[in-house]
Amino acid sequence: WNARLSNPTPISDSLFDEIATHANGSSELRRISTV
């Protein structure tokens, strides 16, 4: 329950970038907006 509810921020607006790097050296960006 602590893990589920211990949030100190009323509202947050964020951008997250994830980059998948493949064995052949190529990569792919995934950007996510979270409110």
PDB file of all heavy atoms in Angstrom:
ATOM      1  N   TRP A   1       0.825  -1.197   0.000  1.00  0.00           N
ATOM      2  CA  TRP A   1       0.000   0.000   0.000  1.00  0.00           C
ATOM      3  C   TRP A   1       0.865   1.256   0.000  1.00  0.00           C
ATOM      4  O   TRP A   1       0.511   2.274  -0.613  1.00  0.00           O
ATOM      5  CB  TRP A   1      -0.951  -0.005   1.192  1.00  0.00           C
ATOM      6  CG  TRP A   1      -2.167  -0.847   0.967  1.00  0.00           C
ATOM      7  CD1 TRP A   1      -2.433  -2.077   1.504  1.00  0.00           C
ATOM      8  CD2 TRP A   1      -3.266  -0.555   0.109  1.00  0.00           C
ATOM      9  NE1 TRP A   1      -3.628  -2.558   1.031  1.00  0.00           N
ATOM     10  CE2 TRP A   1      -4.158  -1.645   0.172  1.00  0.00           C
ATOM     11  CE3 TRP A   1      -3.575   0.520  -0.725  1.00  0.00           C
ATOM     12  CZ2 TRP A   1      -5.349  -1.679  -0.550  1.00  0.00           C
ATOM     13  CZ3 TRP A   1      -4.771   0.485  -1.444  1.00  0.00           C
ATOM     14  CH2 TRP A   1      -5.631  -0.602  -1.349  1.00  0.00           C
ATOM     15  N   ASN A   2       2.014   1.221   0.668  1.00  0.00           N
ATOM     16  CA  ASN A   2       2.941   2.358   0.614  1.00  0.00           C
ATOM     17  C   ASN A   2       3.390   2.615  -0.817  1.00  0.00           C
ATOM     18  O   ASN A   2       3.453   3.762  -1.273  1.00  0.00           O
ATOM     19  CB  ASN A   2       4.160   2.085   1.495  1.00  0.00           C
ATOM     20  CG  ASN A   2       3.858   2.185   2.973  1.00  0.00           C
ATOM     21  OD1 ASN A   2       2.833   2.729   3.374  1.00  0.00           O
ATOM     22  ND2 ASN A   2       4.746   1.656   3.803  1.00  0.00           N
ATOM     23  N   ALA A   3       3.724   1.547  -1.538  1.00  0.00           N
ATOM     24  CA  ALA A   3       4.190   1.691  -2.917  1.00  0.00           C
ATOM     25  C   ALA A   3       3.088   2.239  -3.819  1.00  0.00           C
ATOM     26  O   ALA A   3       3.363   2.991  -4.764  1.00  0.00           O
ATOM     27  CB  ALA A   3       4.680   0.337  -3.441  1.00  0.00           C
ATOM     28  N   ARG A   4       1.840   1.901  -3.526  1.00  0.00           N
ATOM     29  CA  ARG A   4       0.730   2.329  -4.369  1.00  0.00           C
ATOM     30  C   ARG A   4       0.338   3.784  -4.135  1.00  0.00           C
ATOM     31  O   ARG A   4      -0.099   4.470  -5.059  1.00  0.00           O
ATOM     32  CB  ARG A   4      -0.497   1.445  -4.106  1.00  0.00           C
ATOM     33  CG  ARG A   4      -0.331  -0.004  -4.532  1.00  0.00           C
ATOM     34  CD  ARG A   4      -1.464  -0.851  -3.991  1.00  0.00           C
ATOM     35  NE  ARG A   4      -1.353  -2.239  -4.418  1.00  0.00           N
ATOM     36  CZ  ARG A   4      -2.121  -3.217  -3.969  1.00  0.00           C
ATOM     37  NH1 ARG A   4      -3.037  -2.963  -3.056  1.00  0.00           N
ATOM     38  NH2 ARG A   4      -1.964  -4.448  -4.409  1.00  0.00           N
ATOM     39  N   LEU A   5       0.477   4.267  -2.915  1.00  0.00           N
ATOM     40  CA  LEU A   5      -0.142   5.543  -2.560  1.00  0.00           C
ATOM     41  C   LEU A   5       0.811   6.656  -2.159  1.00  0.00           C
ATOM     42  O   LEU A   5       0.386   7.797  -2.029  1.00  0.00           O
ATOM     43  CB  LEU A   5      -1.135   5.319  -1.409  1.00  0.00           C
ATOM     44  CG  LEU A   5      -2.334   4.424  -1.717  1.00  0.00           C
ATOM     45  CD1 LEU A   5      -3.204   4.268  -0.480  1.00  0.00           C
ATOM     46  CD2 LEU A   5      -3.152   4.989  -2.864  1.00  0.00           C
ATOM     47  N   SER A   6       2.085   6.369  -1.957  1.00  0.00           N
ATOM     48  CA  SER A   6       3.002   7.400  -1.464  1.00  0.00           C
ATOM     49  C   SER A   6       3.456   8.319  -2.598  1.00  0.00           C
ATOM     50  O   SER A   6       4.596   8.264  -3.053  1.00  0.00           O
ATOM     51  CB  SER A   6       4.219   6.749  -0.788  1.00  0.00           C
ATOM     52  OG  SER A   6       3.819   5.992   0.327  1.00  0.00           O
ATOM     53  N   ASN A   7       2.562   9.181  -3.052  1.00  0.00           N
ATOM     54  CA  ASN A   7       2.909  10.113  -4.127  1.00  0.00           C
ATOM     55  C   ASN A   7       2.824  11.541  -3.609  1.00  0.00           C
ATOM     56  O   ASN A   7       1.756  11.989  -3.190  1.00  0.00           O
ATOM     57  CB  ASN A   7       1.963   9.927  -5.320  1.00  0.00           C
ATOM     58  CG  ASN A   7       2.490  10.637  -6.561  1.00  0.00           C
ATOM     59  OD1 ASN A   7       2.676  11.840  -6.566  1.00  0.00           O
ATOM     60  ND2 ASN A   7       2.753   9.877  -7.609  1.00  0.00           N
ATOM     61  N   PRO A   8       3.930  12.295  -3.631  1.00  0.00           N
ATOM     62  CA  PRO A   8       3.928  13.641  -3.065  1.00  0.00           C
ATOM     63  C   PRO A   8       3.532  14.734  -4.053  1.00  0.00           C
ATOM     64  O   PRO A   8       3.415  15.894  -3.676  1.00  0.00           O
ATOM     65  CB  PRO A   8       5.398  13.818  -2.656  1.00  0.00           C
ATOM     66  CG  PRO A   8       6.145  13.068  -3.707  1.00  0.00           C
ATOM     67  CD  PRO A   8       5.274  11.872  -4.061  1.00  0.00           C
ATOM     68  N   THR A   9       3.321  14.391  -5.337  1.00  0.00           N
ATOM     69  CA  THR A   9       3.104  15.402  -6.370  1.00  0.00           C
ATOM     70  C   THR A   9       1.654  15.392  -6.840  1.00  0.00           C
ATOM     71  O   THR A   9       1.189  14.395  -7.389  1.00  0.00           O
ATOM     72  CB  THR A   9       4.022  15.142  -7.579  1.00  0.00           C
ATOM     73  OG1 THR A   9       5.373  15.035  -7.117  1.00  0.00           O
ATOM     74  CG2 THR A   9       3.925  16.267  -8.593  1.00  0.00           C
ATOM     75  N   PRO A  10       0.912  16.492  -6.659  1.00  0.00           N
ATOM     76  CA  PRO A  10      -0.492  16.512  -7.092  1.00  0.00           C
ATOM     77  C   PRO A  10      -0.650  16.328  -8.598  1.00  0.00           C
ATOM     78  O   PRO A  10      -1.485  15.550  -9.049  1.00  0.00           O
ATOM     79  CB  PRO A  10      -0.977  17.899  -6.650  1.00  0.00           C
ATOM     80  CG  PRO A  10      -0.028  18.332  -5.589  1.00  0.00           C
ATOM     81  CD  PRO A  10       1.290  17.728  -5.949  1.00  0.00           C
ATOM     82  N   ILE A  11       0.149  17.048  -9.385  1.00  0.00           N
ATOM     83  CA  ILE A  11       0.047  16.979 -10.843  1.00  0.00           C
ATOM     84  C   ILE A  11       1.449  17.020 -11.446  1.00  0.00           C
ATOM     85  O   ILE A  11       2.287  17.832 -11.039  1.00  0.00           O
ATOM     86  CB  ILE A  11      -0.780  18.147 -11.414  1.00  0.00           C
ATOM     87  CG1 ILE A  11      -2.213  18.119 -10.872  1.00  0.00           C
ATOM     88  CG2 ILE A  11      -0.815  18.094 -12.942  1.00  0.00           C
ATOM     89  CD1 ILE A  11      -3.063  19.297 -11.297  1.00  0.00           C
ATOM     90  N   SER A  12       1.724  16.148 -12.389  1.00  0.00           N
ATOM     91  CA  SER A  12       2.994  16.185 -13.106  1.00  0.00           C
ATOM     92  C   SER A  12       2.736  15.974 -14.594  1.00  0.00           C
ATOM     93  O   SER A  12       1.833  15.243 -14.986  1.00  0.00           O
ATOM     94  CB  SER A  12       3.960  15.118 -12.585  1.00  0.00           C
ATOM     95  OG  SER A  12       3.442  13.819 -12.807  1.00  0.00           O
ATOM     96  N   ASP A  13       3.520  16.650 -15.414  1.00  0.00           N
ATOM     97  CA  ASP A  13       3.426  16.564 -16.874  1.00  0.00           C
ATOM     98  C   ASP A  13       4.827  16.261 -17.375  1.00  0.00           C
ATOM     99  O   ASP A  13       5.719  17.099 -17.247  1.00  0.00           O
ATOM    100  CB  ASP A  13       2.897  17.882 -17.435  1.00  0.00           C
ATOM    101  CG  ASP A  13       2.622  17.820 -18.931  1.00  0.00           C
ATOM    102  OD1 ASP A  13       2.994  16.810 -19.555  1.00  0.00           O
ATOM    103  OD2 ASP A  13       2.055  18.793 -19.477  1.00  0.00           O
ATOM    104  N   SER A  14       5.045  15.063 -17.905  1.00  0.00           N
ATOM    105  CA  SER A  14       6.404  14.615 -18.189  1.00  0.00           C
ATOM    106  C   SER A  14       6.540  14.034 -19.589  1.00  0.00           C
ATOM    107  O   SER A  14       5.573  13.549 -20.176  1.00  0.00           O
ATOM    108  CB  SER A  14       6.835  13.543 -17.170  1.00  0.00           C
ATOM    109  OG  SER A  14       6.615  13.969 -15.848  1.00  0.00           O
ATOM    110  N   LEU A  15       7.764  14.106 -20.101  1.00  0.00           N
ATOM    111  CA  LEU A  15       8.139  13.434 -21.341  1.00  0.00           C
ATOM    112  C   LEU A  15       9.203  12.402 -21.016  1.00  0.00           C
ATOM    113  O   LEU A  15      10.178  12.707 -20.323  1.00  0.00           O
ATOM    114  CB  LEU A  15       8.688  14.422 -22.372  1.00  0.00           C
ATOM    115  CG  LEU A  15       7.697  15.216 -23.216  1.00  0.00           C
ATOM    116  CD1 LEU A  15       8.450  16.199 -24.104  1.00  0.00           C
ATOM    117  CD2 LEU A  15       6.832  14.300 -24.072  1.00  0.00           C
ATOM    118  N   PHE A  16       9.018  11.174 -21.493  1.00  0.00           N
ATOM    119  CA  PHE A  16       9.978  10.110 -21.269  1.00  0.00           C
ATOM    120  C   PHE A  16      10.492   9.602 -22.611  1.00  0.00           C
ATOM    121  O   PHE A  16       9.709   9.336 -23.517  1.00  0.00           O
ATOM    122  CB  PHE A  16       9.341   8.945 -20.505  1.00  0.00           C
ATOM    123  CG  PHE A  16       8.885   9.299 -19.123  1.00  0.00           C
ATOM    124  CD1 PHE A  16       7.582   9.710 -18.888  1.00  0.00           C
ATOM    125  CD2 PHE A  16       9.762   9.237 -18.050  1.00  0.00           C
ATOM    126  CE1 PHE A  16       7.152  10.033 -17.613  1.00  0.00           C
ATOM    127  CE2 PHE A  16       9.350   9.556 -16.773  1.00  0.00           C
ATOM    128  CZ  PHE A  16       8.042   9.961 -16.549  1.00  0.00           C
ATOM    129  N   ASP A  17      11.805   9.482 -22.723  1.00  0.00           N
ATOM    130  CA  ASP A  17      12.419   8.925 -23.926  1.00  0.00           C
ATOM    131  C   ASP A  17      12.980   7.553 -23.618  1.00  0.00           C
ATOM    132  O   ASP A  17      13.693   7.370 -22.625  1.00  0.00           O
ATOM    133  CB  ASP A  17      13.546   9.827 -24.436  1.00  0.00           C
ATOM    134  CG  ASP A  17      13.022  11.084 -25.104  1.00  0.00           C
ATOM    135  OD1 ASP A  17      11.826  11.106 -25.453  1.00  0.00           O
ATOM    136  OD2 ASP A  17      13.798  12.032 -25.285  1.00  0.00           O
ATOM    137  N   GLU A  18      12.638   6.592 -24.456  1.00  0.00           N
ATOM    138  CA  GLU A  18      13.196   5.246 -24.365  1.00  0.00           C
ATOM    139  C   GLU A  18      13.908   4.947 -25.679  1.00  0.00           C
ATOM    140  O   GLU A  18      13.357   5.205 -26.752  1.00  0.00           O
ATOM    141  CB  GLU A  18      12.087   4.212 -24.141  1.00  0.00           C
ATOM    142  CG  GLU A  18      11.264   4.457 -22.889  1.00  0.00           C
ATOM    143  CD  GLU A  18      10.070   3.529 -22.801  1.00  0.00           C
ATOM    144  OE1 GLU A  18       9.801   2.828 -23.803  1.00  0.00           O
ATOM    145  OE2 GLU A  18       9.411   3.494 -21.752  1.00  0.00           O
ATOM    146  N   ILE A  19      15.120   4.452 -25.599  1.00  0.00           N
ATOM    147  CA  ILE A  19      15.878   4.124 -26.806  1.00  0.00           C
ATOM    148  C   ILE A  19      16.226   2.643 -26.780  1.00  0.00           C
ATOM    149  O   ILE A  19      16.940   2.177 -25.879  1.00  0.00           O
ATOM    150  CB  ILE A  19      17.162   4.965 -26.919  1.00  0.00           C
ATOM    151  CG1 ILE A  19      16.797   6.460 -26.980  1.00  0.00           C
ATOM    152  CG2 ILE A  19      17.958   4.562 -28.152  1.00  0.00           C
ATOM    153  CD1 ILE A  19      17.997   7.381 -27.021  1.00  0.00           C
ATOM    154  N   ALA A  20      15.705   1.923 -27.750  1.00  0.00           N
ATOM    155  CA  ALA A  20      16.015   0.495 -27.886  1.00  0.00           C
ATOM    156  C   ALA A  20      17.218   0.358 -28.814  1.00  0.00           C
ATOM    157  O   ALA A  20      17.189   0.822 -29.953  1.00  0.00           O
ATOM    158  CB  ALA A  20      14.819  -0.249 -28.454  1.00  0.00           C
ATOM    159  N   THR A  21      18.272  -0.256 -28.321  1.00  0.00           N
ATOM    160  CA  THR A  21      19.476  -0.476 -29.117  1.00  0.00           C
ATOM    161  C   THR A  21      19.539  -1.948 -29.510  1.00  0.00           C
ATOM    162  O   THR A  21      19.482  -2.830 -28.656  1.00  0.00           O
ATOM    163  CB  THR A  21      20.742  -0.098 -28.326  1.00  0.00           C
ATOM    164  OG1 THR A  21      20.648   1.268 -27.925  1.00  0.00           O
ATOM    165  CG2 THR A  21      21.980  -0.289 -29.181  1.00  0.00           C
ATOM    166  N   HIS A  22      19.658  -2.205 -30.808  1.00  0.00           N
ATOM    167  CA  HIS A  22      19.633  -3.570 -31.321  1.00  0.00           C
ATOM    168  C   HIS A  22      21.048  -4.113 -31.515  1.00  0.00           C
ATOM    169  O   HIS A  22      22.025  -3.355 -31.543  1.00  0.00           O
ATOM    170  CB  HIS A  22      18.852  -3.611 -32.628  1.00  0.00           C
ATOM    171  CG  HIS A  22      17.473  -3.027 -32.517  1.00  0.00           C
ATOM    172  ND1 HIS A  22      16.476  -3.631 -31.781  1.00  0.00           N
ATOM    173  CD2 HIS A  22      16.939  -1.880 -33.021  1.00  0.00           C
ATOM    174  CE1 HIS A  22      15.377  -2.895 -31.848  1.00  0.00           C
ATOM    175  NE2 HIS A  22      15.626  -1.829 -32.590  1.00  0.00           N
ATOM    176  N   ALA A  23      21.141  -5.409 -31.654  1.00  0.00           N
ATOM    177  CA  ALA A  23      22.442  -6.071 -31.759  1.00  0.00           C
ATOM    178  C   ALA A  23      23.231  -5.612 -32.980  1.00  0.00           C
ATOM    179  O   ALA A  23      24.466  -5.641 -32.976  1.00  0.00           O
ATOM    180  CB  ALA A  23      22.246  -7.584 -31.802  1.00  0.00           C
ATOM    181  N   ASN A  24      22.543  -5.178 -34.036  1.00  0.00           N
ATOM    182  CA  ASN A  24      23.251  -4.739 -35.251  1.00  0.00           C
ATOM    183  C   ASN A  24      23.731  -3.292 -35.161  1.00  0.00           C
ATOM    184  O   ASN A  24      24.258  -2.749 -36.136  1.00  0.00           O
ATOM    185  CB  ASN A  24      22.361  -4.917 -36.478  1.00  0.00           C
ATOM    186  CG  ASN A  24      21.102  -4.059 -36.425  1.00  0.00           C
ATOM    187  OD1 ASN A  24      20.912  -3.264 -35.498  1.00  0.00           O
ATOM    188  ND2 ASN A  24      20.232  -4.243 -37.414  1.00  0.00           N
ATOM    189  N   GLY A  25      23.500  -2.661 -34.011  1.00  0.00           N
ATOM    190  CA  GLY A  25      23.977  -1.293 -33.820  1.00  0.00           C
ATOM    191  C   GLY A  25      22.925  -0.226 -34.065  1.00  0.00           C
ATOM    192  O   GLY A  25      23.134   0.939 -33.717  1.00  0.00           O
ATOM    193  N   SER A  26      21.804  -0.577 -34.657  1.00  0.00           N
ATOM    194  CA  SER A  26      20.742   0.399 -34.897  1.00  0.00           C
ATOM    195  C   SER A  26      19.981   0.671 -33.604  1.00  0.00           C
ATOM    196  O   SER A  26      20.044  -0.100 -32.648  1.00  0.00           O
ATOM    197  CB  SER A  26      19.785  -0.110 -35.979  1.00  0.00           C
ATOM    198  OG  SER A  26      19.105  -1.278 -35.530  1.00  0.00           O
ATOM    199  N   SER A  27      19.255   1.786 -33.588  1.00  0.00           N
ATOM    200  CA  SER A  27      18.495   2.147 -32.397  1.00  0.00           C
ATOM    201  C   SER A  27      17.176   2.785 -32.804  1.00  0.00           C
ATOM    202  O   SER A  27      17.020   3.271 -33.928  1.00  0.00           O
ATOM    203  CB  SER A  27      19.287   3.106 -31.507  1.00  0.00           C
ATOM    204  OG  SER A  27      19.562   4.313 -32.190  1.00  0.00           O
ATOM    205  N   GLU A  28      16.237   2.792 -31.874  1.00  0.00           N
ATOM    206  CA  GLU A  28      14.919   3.359 -32.141  1.00  0.00           C
ATOM    207  C   GLU A  28      14.441   4.118 -30.908  1.00  0.00           C
ATOM    208  O   GLU A  28      14.497   3.611 -29.793  1.00  0.00           O
ATOM    209  CB  GLU A  28      13.916   2.259 -32.493  1.00  0.00           C
ATOM    210  CG  GLU A  28      12.539   2.787 -32.851  1.00  0.00           C
ATOM    211  CD  GLU A  28      11.589   1.682 -33.276  1.00  0.00           C
ATOM    212  OE1 GLU A  28      11.951   0.500 -33.081  1.00  0.00           O
ATOM    213  OE2 GLU A  28      10.507   1.989 -33.784  1.00  0.00           O
ATOM    214  N   LEU A  29      13.996   5.372 -31.149  1.00  0.00           N
ATOM    215  CA  LEU A  29      13.508   6.225 -30.074  1.00  0.00           C
ATOM    216  C   LEU A  29      12.004   6.068 -29.905  1.00  0.00           C
ATOM    217  O   LEU A  29      11.255   6.051 -30.886  1.00  0.00           O
ATOM    218  CB  LEU A  29      13.831   7.694 -30.369  1.00  0.00           C
ATOM    219  CG  LEU A  29      13.153   8.733 -29.464  1.00  0.00           C
ATOM    220  CD1 LEU A  29      13.725   8.667 -28.054  1.00  0.00           C
ATOM    221  CD2 LEU A  29      13.310  10.143 -30.040  1.00  0.00           C
ATOM    222  N   ARG A  30      11.571   5.986 -28.676  1.00  0.00           N
ATOM    223  CA  ARG A  30      10.147   5.999 -28.349  1.00  0.00           C
ATOM    224  C   ARG A  30       9.943   7.084 -27.292  1.00  0.00           C
ATOM    225  O   ARG A  30      10.534   7.030 -26.221  1.00  0.00           O
ATOM    226  CB  ARG A  30       9.691   4.642 -27.832  1.00  0.00           C
ATOM    227  CG  ARG A  30       8.192   4.560 -27.519  1.00  0.00           C
ATOM    228  CD  ARG A  30       7.851   3.156 -27.031  1.00  0.00           C
ATOM    229  NE  ARG A  30       6.470   3.026 -26.632  1.00  0.00           N
ATOM    230  CZ  ARG A  30       5.466   2.721 -27.453  1.00  0.00           C
ATOM    231  NH1 ARG A  30       5.727   2.527 -28.734  1.00  0.00           N
ATOM    232  NH2 ARG A  30       4.224   2.608 -27.012  1.00  0.00           N
ATOM    233  N   ARG A  31       9.133   8.084 -27.608  1.00  0.00           N
ATOM    234  CA  ARG A  31       8.879   9.198 -26.682  1.00  0.00           C
ATOM    235  C   ARG A  31       7.434   9.131 -26.203  1.00  0.00           C
ATOM    236  O   ARG A  31       6.507   8.984 -26.999  1.00  0.00           O
ATOM    237  CB  ARG A  31       9.150  10.536 -27.366  1.00  0.00           C
ATOM    238  CG  ARG A  31       8.784  11.762 -26.530  1.00  0.00           C
ATOM    239  CD  ARG A  31       9.365  13.026 -27.115  1.00  0.00           C
ATOM    240  NE  ARG A  31      10.820  13.008 -26.988  1.00  0.00           N
ATOM    241  CZ  ARG A  31      11.604  13.959 -27.495  1.00  0.00           C
ATOM    242  NH1 ARG A  31      11.095  14.957 -28.188  1.00  0.00           N
ATOM    243  NH2 ARG A  31      12.916  13.897 -27.329  1.00  0.00           N
ATOM    244  N   ILE A  32       7.251   9.252 -24.900  1.00  0.00           N
ATOM    245  CA  ILE A  32       5.934   9.124 -24.289  1.00  0.00           C
ATOM    246  C   ILE A  32       5.642  10.358 -23.434  1.00  0.00           C
ATOM    247  O   ILE A  32       6.480  10.786 -22.634  1.00  0.00           O
ATOM    248  CB  ILE A  32       5.849   7.856 -23.425  1.00  0.00           C
ATOM    249  CG1 ILE A  32       6.024   6.608 -24.297  1.00  0.00           C
ATOM    250  CG2 ILE A  32       4.525   7.780 -22.684  1.00  0.00           C
ATOM    251  CD1 ILE A  32       6.091   5.321 -23.517  1.00  0.00           C
ATOM    252  N   SER A  33       4.461  10.929 -23.616  1.00  0.00           N
ATOM    253  CA  SER A  33       3.983  12.034 -22.787  1.00  0.00           C
ATOM    254  C   SER A  33       3.058  11.474 -21.713  1.00  0.00           C
ATOM    255  O   SER A  33       2.137  10.709 -22.011  1.00  0.00           O
ATOM    256  CB  SER A  33       3.237  13.058 -23.650  1.00  0.00           C
ATOM    257  OG  SER A  33       2.522  13.972 -22.830  1.00  0.00           O
ATOM    258  N   THR A  34       3.307  11.862 -20.458  1.00  0.00           N
ATOM    259  CA  THR A  34       2.505  11.361 -19.345  1.00  0.00           C
ATOM    260  C   THR A  34       2.004  12.522 -18.498  1.00  0.00           C
ATOM    261  O   THR A  34       2.784  13.364 -18.058  1.00  0.00           O
ATOM    262  CB  THR A  34       3.330  10.413 -18.457  1.00  0.00           C
ATOM    263  OG1 THR A  34       3.806   9.329 -19.242  1.00  0.00           O
ATOM    264  CG2 THR A  34       2.476   9.859 -17.326  1.00  0.00           C
ATOM    265  N   VAL A  35       0.701  12.581 -18.298  1.00  0.00           N
ATOM    266  CA  VAL A  35       0.089  13.536 -17.375  1.00  0.00           C
ATOM    267  C   VAL A  35      -0.483  12.733 -16.208  1.00  0.00           C
ATOM    268  O   VAL A  35      -1.286  11.819 -16.416  1.00  0.00           O
ATOM    269  CB  VAL A  35      -1.023  14.362 -18.047  1.00  0.00           C
ATOM    270  CG1 VAL A  35      -1.640  15.335 -17.034  1.00  0.00           C
ATOM    271  CG2 VAL A  35      -0.471  15.123 -19.245  1.00  0.00           C
TER     272      VAL A  35
END
